[in-house]
Amino acid sequence: MSVKHKLLIFFTLFYLPYLGFSQGCSDAGFCTMGAMKPAQDFNKKIPVKLRSIGLTLYEGQTNTSPIIRAAIVDFGLLIAGEYDLQVKVPYMRVDGNFASTSGLGDISLSLTKNLHSTPEYNIMGTLGAKIPTNRSDLRPPDRQSVLPMYYQTSLGTYDFIAGGTYINREWMISAGYQQPIIHINENTFEPTEAKWSWYEGGMDYVRKHDGSRMLKRGADIMMRFERNFRMSRLNLSLGLLPIYRITKDQVLNDNDEYVKLDGTTGLALSGLAGVNYKFNVFSSIQLIYGHKITDRPVNPDGLTRKHVINLSFNYNF
């Protein structure tokens, strides 16, 4: 059996159960990724090498007051010469009218393989996961009221992710699916006078945030359409990013029963523009701007952004 087939079996048997039953690697659990299966022959080595490292500075403006900033370290590993493992570790800070919060954000893991390649185009497939770092229950200093999801540094869910990409010199077309599979979210935010009478900014601002008591997020389907204008070192891009939530978010009601929230499904559409400059074959810098075009009416998960800016530096080995 070839190294390629052994690696595929390894990830099928080890990685998918990990998604279903482990927790915490936005943090814990992540430390075991890449470990060898105990029963595998020690002398059958799988070559692994660091392929790239990147640093991204992110800023996003929400629909309410919070501004979300993050520094994201991105590692790319080449496994067996054909599998790309990407690990993204963000550190986040949120500043808004209620409070400021900070901490490690959810860790992203993805394994990508080139499925078909010709001189004109490539087709790639990806399997991945997002792993929570906390239970989305951060509070203001000296207060018992849990902050809305806009202020949280973690979504509080283990997510399964699958996707594919078609790319040629001019176009990149991607599709993806994201499914929360384990919920550890213990957010108890409710925009009620009883819990927020202490806030001096008034209840009108409090009610701008949708209730998210023990939130269970729905599943998303994503598409990305990107047109590239490539030069020798410079690449300009324009694109659209539609994300469609296909199942309703759920929260606990006063009877401690989960209810589905109307208005949480539907389309969130953003326009994208980017510029990438290669200093040489090893290093590059990229700037991406995204602007909201349309959004879902109800957003208890705190994922809505008016606009986002990403500035990234990447180094390839």
Protein backbone atom coordinates (compact mmCIF):
# COMPACT_ATOMS: atom_id res chain seq x y z
CA MET A 1 0.00 0.00 0.00
CA SER A 2 1.42 3.42 -0.95
CA VAL A 3 2.16 6.25 1.47
CA LYS A 4 -0.66 8.23 -0.14
CA HIS A 5 -3.25 5.57 0.65
CA LYS A 6 -1.98 5.06 4.18
CA LEU A 7 -2.24 8.78 4.85
CA LEU A 8 -5.79 8.94 3.53
CA ILE A 9 -6.84 6.02 5.76
CA PHE A 10 -5.12 7.65 8.73
CA PHE A 11 -7.04 10.89 8.39
CA THR A 12 -10.34 9.11 7.79
CA LEU A 13 -10.07 6.91 10.89
CA PHE A 14 -8.39 9.39 13.23
CA TYR A 15 -9.44 12.87 12.18
CA LEU A 16 -13.22 12.45 11.75
CA PRO A 17 -13.83 10.82 15.17
CA TYR A 18 -11.78 13.63 16.64
CA LEU A 19 -14.20 16.15 15.15
CA GLY A 20 -17.14 14.34 16.67
CA PHE A 21 -15.92 13.79 20.24
CA SER A 22 -12.98 16.03 21.16
CA GLN A 23 -13.26 19.58 22.43
CA GLY A 24 -11.23 22.54 23.25
CA CYS A 25 -8.49 22.78 20.73
CA SER A 26 -9.11 26.14 19.77
CA ASP A 27 -6.88 24.84 22.11
CA ALA A 28 -6.86 21.44 23.64
CA GLY A 29 -7.15 18.57 21.24
CA PHE A 30 -5.29 20.64 18.66
CA CYS A 31 -2.10 19.57 20.39
CA THR A 32 -2.68 16.00 19.25
CA MET A 33 -3.20 16.80 15.58
CA GLY A 34 -0.45 15.35 13.42
CA ALA A 35 0.37 12.60 15.92
CA MET A 36 0.94 9.11 14.54
CA LYS A 37 -1.63 6.36 15.04
CA PRO A 38 -0.39 4.05 17.86
CA ALA A 39 -0.65 0.85 15.82
CA GLN A 40 1.20 2.22 12.81
CA ASP A 41 4.69 0.96 11.97
CA PHE A 42 7.25 3.37 13.39
CA ASN A 43 9.64 2.87 10.49
CA LYS A 44 7.01 3.92 7.93
CA LYS A 45 7.71 7.63 8.07
CA ILE A 46 5.44 10.23 6.54
CA PRO A 47 7.46 13.25 5.38
CA VAL A 48 6.14 16.48 6.89
CA LYS A 49 7.69 19.87 6.32
CA LEU A 50 6.80 23.48 6.99
CA ARG A 51 5.64 25.00 3.73
CA SER A 52 4.57 28.53 4.69
CA ILE A 53 3.92 30.85 7.57
CA GLY A 54 1.79 33.97 7.56
CA LEU A 55 0.61 36.77 9.80
CA THR A 56 -2.75 38.47 9.20
CA LEU A 57 -4.07 41.61 10.88
CA TYR A 58 -7.88 41.75 10.78
CA GLU A 59 -10.39 44.45 11.62
CA GLY A 60 -14.17 44.13 11.33
CA GLN A 61 -16.97 46.61 12.10
CA THR A 62 -20.16 45.01 13.43
CA ASN A 63 -23.77 46.16 13.00
CA THR A 64 -23.73 47.45 16.58
CA SER A 65 -20.82 49.17 18.30
CA PRO A 66 -18.16 46.43 18.68
CA ILE A 67 -15.03 46.62 16.54
CA ILE A 68 -13.30 43.27 16.26
CA ARG A 69 -9.54 43.10 15.76
CA ALA A 70 -7.42 39.99 15.45
CA ALA A 71 -3.85 38.89 14.81
CA ILE A 72 -3.84 35.50 13.07
CA VAL A 73 -0.83 33.22 12.71
CA ASP A 74 -1.17 30.84 9.78
CA PHE A 75 0.99 27.72 9.37
CA GLY A 76 1.07 25.64 6.19
CA LEU A 77 2.50 22.10 6.30
CA LEU A 78 3.16 19.80 3.34
CA ILE A 79 2.46 16.14 4.13
CA ALA A 80 3.67 13.28 1.93
CA GLY A 81 4.33 15.75 -0.85
CA GLU A 82 0.67 16.24 -1.78
CA TYR A 83 -1.49 17.12 1.24
CA ASP A 84 -1.56 20.69 2.56
CA LEU A 85 -2.40 21.02 6.27
CA GLN A 86 -3.28 24.57 7.33
CA VAL A 87 -3.45 25.68 10.96
CA LYS A 88 -4.80 29.16 11.81
CA VAL A 89 -4.52 30.52 15.35
CA PRO A 90 -6.13 33.93 16.06
CA TYR A 91 -5.78 36.23 19.04
CA MET A 92 -8.79 38.55 19.23
CA ARG A 93 -9.77 41.83 20.86
CA VAL A 94 -13.29 43.29 20.85
CA ASP A 95 -14.06 46.91 21.85
CA GLY A 96 -17.68 48.06 22.19
CA ASN A 97 -20.11 50.05 24.32
CA PHE A 98 -20.64 47.24 26.84
CA ALA A 99 -17.01 46.27 27.45
CA SER A 100 -13.71 45.19 25.93
CA THR A 101 -12.81 41.51 25.67
CA SER A 102 -9.76 39.66 24.41
CA GLY A 103 -8.41 36.15 24.15
CA LEU A 104 -7.56 33.27 21.86
CA GLY A 105 -10.09 32.79 19.07
CA ASP A 106 -11.31 29.56 17.50
CA ILE A 107 -8.57 27.51 15.85
CA SER A 108 -9.03 26.44 12.22
CA LEU A 109 -7.62 23.24 10.75
CA SER A 110 -7.88 22.17 7.12
CA LEU A 111 -6.44 19.44 4.93
CA THR A 112 -6.33 20.16 1.18
CA LYS A 113 -5.46 17.96 -1.78
CA ASN A 114 -5.13 18.79 -5.45
CA LEU A 115 -7.73 16.50 -7.02
CA HIS A 116 -7.12 17.29 -10.67
CA SER A 117 -4.51 19.39 -12.39
CA THR A 118 -3.93 20.50 -15.99
CA PRO A 119 -1.80 23.31 -17.46
CA GLU A 120 -4.98 25.44 -17.60
CA TYR A 121 -6.63 24.83 -14.20
CA ASN A 122 -6.58 23.05 -10.83
CA ILE A 123 -9.39 21.48 -8.82
CA MET A 124 -8.80 21.11 -5.07
CA GLY A 125 -10.75 19.60 -2.19
CA THR A 126 -10.65 20.46 1.52
CA LEU A 127 -11.77 18.87 4.78
CA GLY A 128 -11.44 20.85 7.99
CA ALA A 129 -12.64 21.83 11.42
CA LYS A 130 -13.02 24.85 13.67
CA ILE A 131 -12.31 24.22 17.33
CA PRO A 132 -13.58 26.49 20.14
CA THR A 133 -11.37 28.06 22.78
CA ASN A 134 -14.10 28.86 25.31
CA ARG A 135 -17.85 28.60 25.96
CA SER A 136 -18.84 32.06 24.69
CA ASP A 137 -19.71 33.22 28.21
CA LEU A 138 -17.44 36.25 28.70
CA ARG A 139 -18.83 38.97 31.00
CA PRO A 140 -18.08 42.65 31.66
CA PRO A 141 -15.79 43.24 34.65
CA ASP A 142 -17.66 42.89 37.98
CA ARG A 143 -20.94 42.00 36.24
CA GLN A 144 -22.96 38.79 36.03
CA SER A 145 -24.59 39.60 32.68
CA VAL A 146 -23.07 37.53 29.86
CA LEU A 147 -22.11 39.65 26.85
CA PRO A 148 -23.76 39.21 23.42
CA MET A 149 -22.03 37.05 20.83
CA TYR A 150 -20.53 40.12 19.11
CA TYR A 151 -18.25 40.46 22.15
CA GLN A 152 -17.25 36.81 22.40
CA THR A 153 -13.89 35.52 21.20
CA SER A 154 -15.26 32.01 20.44
CA LEU A 155 -18.40 30.69 18.77
CA GLY A 156 -18.53 27.84 21.28
CA THR A 157 -18.97 25.09 18.67
CA TYR A 158 -16.93 22.35 17.02
CA ASP A 159 -17.56 22.76 13.31
CA PHE A 160 -17.03 20.35 10.42
CA ILE A 161 -16.02 22.02 7.14
CA ALA A 162 -15.83 20.64 3.58
CA GLY A 163 -15.21 22.46 0.33
CA GLY A 164 -13.78 22.54 -3.16
CA THR A 165 -12.16 25.07 -5.47
CA TYR A 166 -11.71 25.50 -9.21
CA ILE A 167 -8.91 27.93 -10.10
CA ASN A 168 -7.27 29.11 -13.32
CA ARG A 169 -5.34 32.22 -14.27
CA GLU A 170 -8.40 34.47 -14.32
CA TRP A 171 -10.98 32.88 -12.02
CA MET A 172 -11.35 31.19 -8.67
CA ILE A 173 -14.70 29.58 -7.86
CA SER A 174 -15.13 27.95 -4.45
CA ALA A 175 -17.95 26.21 -2.60
CA GLY A 176 -18.00 25.18 1.04
CA TYR A 177 -20.19 23.70 3.75
CA GLN A 178 -19.91 24.40 7.50
CA GLN A 179 -21.83 22.35 10.07
CA PRO A 180 -21.63 22.83 13.86
CA ILE A 181 -21.51 19.32 15.29
CA ILE A 182 -20.85 19.84 19.02
CA HIS A 183 -22.19 22.84 20.93
CA ILE A 184 -20.46 23.95 24.13
CA ASN A 185 -21.89 27.46 23.84
CA GLU A 186 -23.08 28.67 27.26
CA ASN A 187 -23.93 32.22 26.25
CA THR A 188 -26.97 33.45 28.22
CA PHE A 189 -27.42 36.92 26.74
CA GLU A 190 -31.02 38.16 26.73
CA PRO A 191 -31.88 41.83 26.00
CA THR A 192 -34.11 42.29 29.06
CA GLU A 193 -34.38 45.11 31.58
CA ALA A 194 -33.89 42.70 34.46
CA LYS A 195 -30.40 41.74 33.32
CA TRP A 196 -29.24 45.04 31.83
CA SER A 197 -30.74 47.74 34.06
CA TRP A 198 -27.18 48.59 35.19
CA TYR A 199 -26.14 49.64 31.67
CA GLU A 200 -26.13 53.44 31.45
CA GLY A 201 -26.41 53.53 27.65
CA GLY A 202 -30.10 52.60 27.71
CA MET A 203 -32.16 49.62 26.62
CA ASP A 204 -32.44 50.80 23.01
CA TYR A 205 -28.80 49.84 22.49
CA VAL A 206 -29.18 46.59 24.43
CA ARG A 207 -32.07 45.51 22.18
CA LYS A 208 -29.94 45.95 19.06
CA HIS A 209 -28.35 42.62 20.02
CA ASP A 210 -30.34 39.47 19.34
CA GLY A 211 -30.82 37.06 22.24
CA SER A 212 -28.48 34.07 22.18
CA ARG A 213 -29.28 31.95 25.24
CA MET A 214 -27.36 28.65 24.85
CA LEU A 215 -27.16 29.30 21.13
CA LYS A 216 -27.09 26.48 18.58
CA ARG A 217 -25.97 27.87 15.22
CA GLY A 218 -27.37 26.62 11.95
CA ALA A 219 -25.42 25.22 9.00
CA ASP A 220 -23.98 27.41 6.22
CA ILE A 221 -23.28 26.98 2.52
CA MET A 222 -20.65 29.32 1.07
CA MET A 223 -19.65 30.33 -2.46
CA ARG A 224 -16.80 32.55 -3.59
CA PHE A 225 -16.51 34.04 -7.08
CA GLU A 226 -13.23 35.86 -7.68
CA ARG A 227 -11.84 37.45 -10.83
CA ASN A 228 -8.07 37.88 -10.86
CA PHE A 229 -5.96 40.27 -12.92
CA ARG A 230 -2.47 38.81 -12.72
CA MET A 231 0.78 40.57 -13.59
CA SER A 232 4.35 39.44 -12.99
CA ARG A 233 4.37 40.39 -9.28
CA LEU A 234 1.04 42.11 -8.77
CA ASN A 235 -2.40 40.49 -8.63
CA LEU A 236 -5.65 42.45 -8.36
CA SER A 237 -8.93 40.70 -7.56
CA LEU A 238 -12.66 41.43 -7.36
CA GLY A 239 -15.21 39.03 -6.00
CA LEU A 240 -18.49 38.14 -4.35
CA LEU A 241 -18.93 36.05 -1.20
CA PRO A 242 -22.47 34.71 -0.67
CA ILE A 243 -23.11 32.71 2.51
CA TYR A 244 -26.50 31.06 2.89
CA ARG A 245 -27.66 29.75 6.27
CA ILE A 246 -29.80 26.74 5.46
CA THR A 247 -31.02 25.79 8.96
CA LYS A 248 -32.35 28.05 11.69
CA ASP A 249 -30.41 29.06 14.78
CA GLN A 250 -31.87 27.80 18.05
CA VAL A 251 -31.97 29.26 21.57
CA LEU A 252 -33.46 28.22 24.90
CA ASN A 253 -36.79 29.83 25.81
CA ASP A 254 -38.16 30.56 29.31
CA ASN A 255 -39.30 26.93 29.59
CA ASP A 256 -35.74 25.72 28.94
CA GLU A 257 -36.79 24.30 25.58
CA TYR A 258 -34.96 24.95 22.33
CA VAL A 259 -36.89 27.02 19.80
CA LYS A 260 -35.96 27.83 16.22
CA LEU A 261 -35.52 31.53 15.46
CA ASP A 262 -37.26 33.03 12.45
CA GLY A 263 -35.09 35.34 10.35
CA THR A 264 -31.84 33.46 10.99
CA THR A 265 -31.80 31.65 7.63
CA GLY A 266 -31.12 33.23 4.27
CA LEU A 267 -28.41 35.06 2.38
CA ALA A 268 -25.53 37.16 3.64
CA LEU A 269 -23.68 38.69 0.66
CA SER A 270 -20.41 40.63 0.64
CA GLY A 271 -18.34 42.26 -2.08
CA LEU A 272 -14.57 41.72 -2.04
CA ALA A 273 -11.58 43.58 -3.46
CA GLY A 274 -7.94 42.63 -3.01
CA VAL A 275 -4.37 43.32 -4.01
CA ASN A 276 -1.42 40.95 -3.66
CA TYR A 277 2.21 41.84 -4.28
CA LYS A 278 5.05 39.29 -4.47
CA PHE A 279 8.40 40.63 -3.32
CA ASN A 280 10.08 37.45 -4.58
CA VAL A 281 9.34 33.71 -4.84
CA PHE A 282 9.36 33.44 -1.04
CA SER A 283 7.43 36.41 0.35
CA SER A 284 4.30 38.40 -0.46
CA ILE A 285 1.88 40.88 1.07
CA GLN A 286 -1.89 41.00 0.57
CA LEU A 287 -4.66 43.46 1.36
CA ILE A 288 -8.34 42.41 1.16
CA TYR A 289 -11.41 44.58 1.79
CA GLY A 290 -14.90 43.16 2.20
CA HIS A 291 -18.14 45.16 2.35
CA LYS A 292 -21.59 43.88 3.31
CA ILE A 293 -24.23 44.05 0.57
CA THR A 294 -27.08 42.21 2.29
CA ASP A 295 -27.57 40.24 5.49
CA ARG A 296 -29.96 38.02 7.42
CA PRO A 297 -32.60 39.88 9.50
CA VAL A 298 -31.70 38.16 12.81
CA ASN A 299 -28.08 37.49 13.82
CA PRO A 300 -27.71 36.02 17.32
CA ASP A 301 -24.31 34.50 16.44
CA GLY A 302 -22.60 37.91 16.19
CA LEU A 303 -20.99 37.12 12.81
CA THR A 304 -22.39 40.07 10.84
CA ARG A 305 -19.86 42.69 9.70
CA LYS A 306 -20.46 45.99 7.90
CA HIS A 307 -16.95 45.76 6.48
CA VAL A 308 -13.70 43.92 7.09
CA ILE A 309 -10.04 44.59 6.28
CA ASN A 310 -7.31 41.93 6.14
CA LEU A 311 -3.61 42.73 5.81
CA SER A 312 -1.42 39.63 5.47
CA PHE A 313 2.27 38.88 5.12
CA ASN A 314 3.20 35.39 3.90
CA TYR A 315 6.52 33.61 3.64
CA ASN A 316 6.97 30.39 1.66
CA PHE A 317 9.76 27.94 2.39
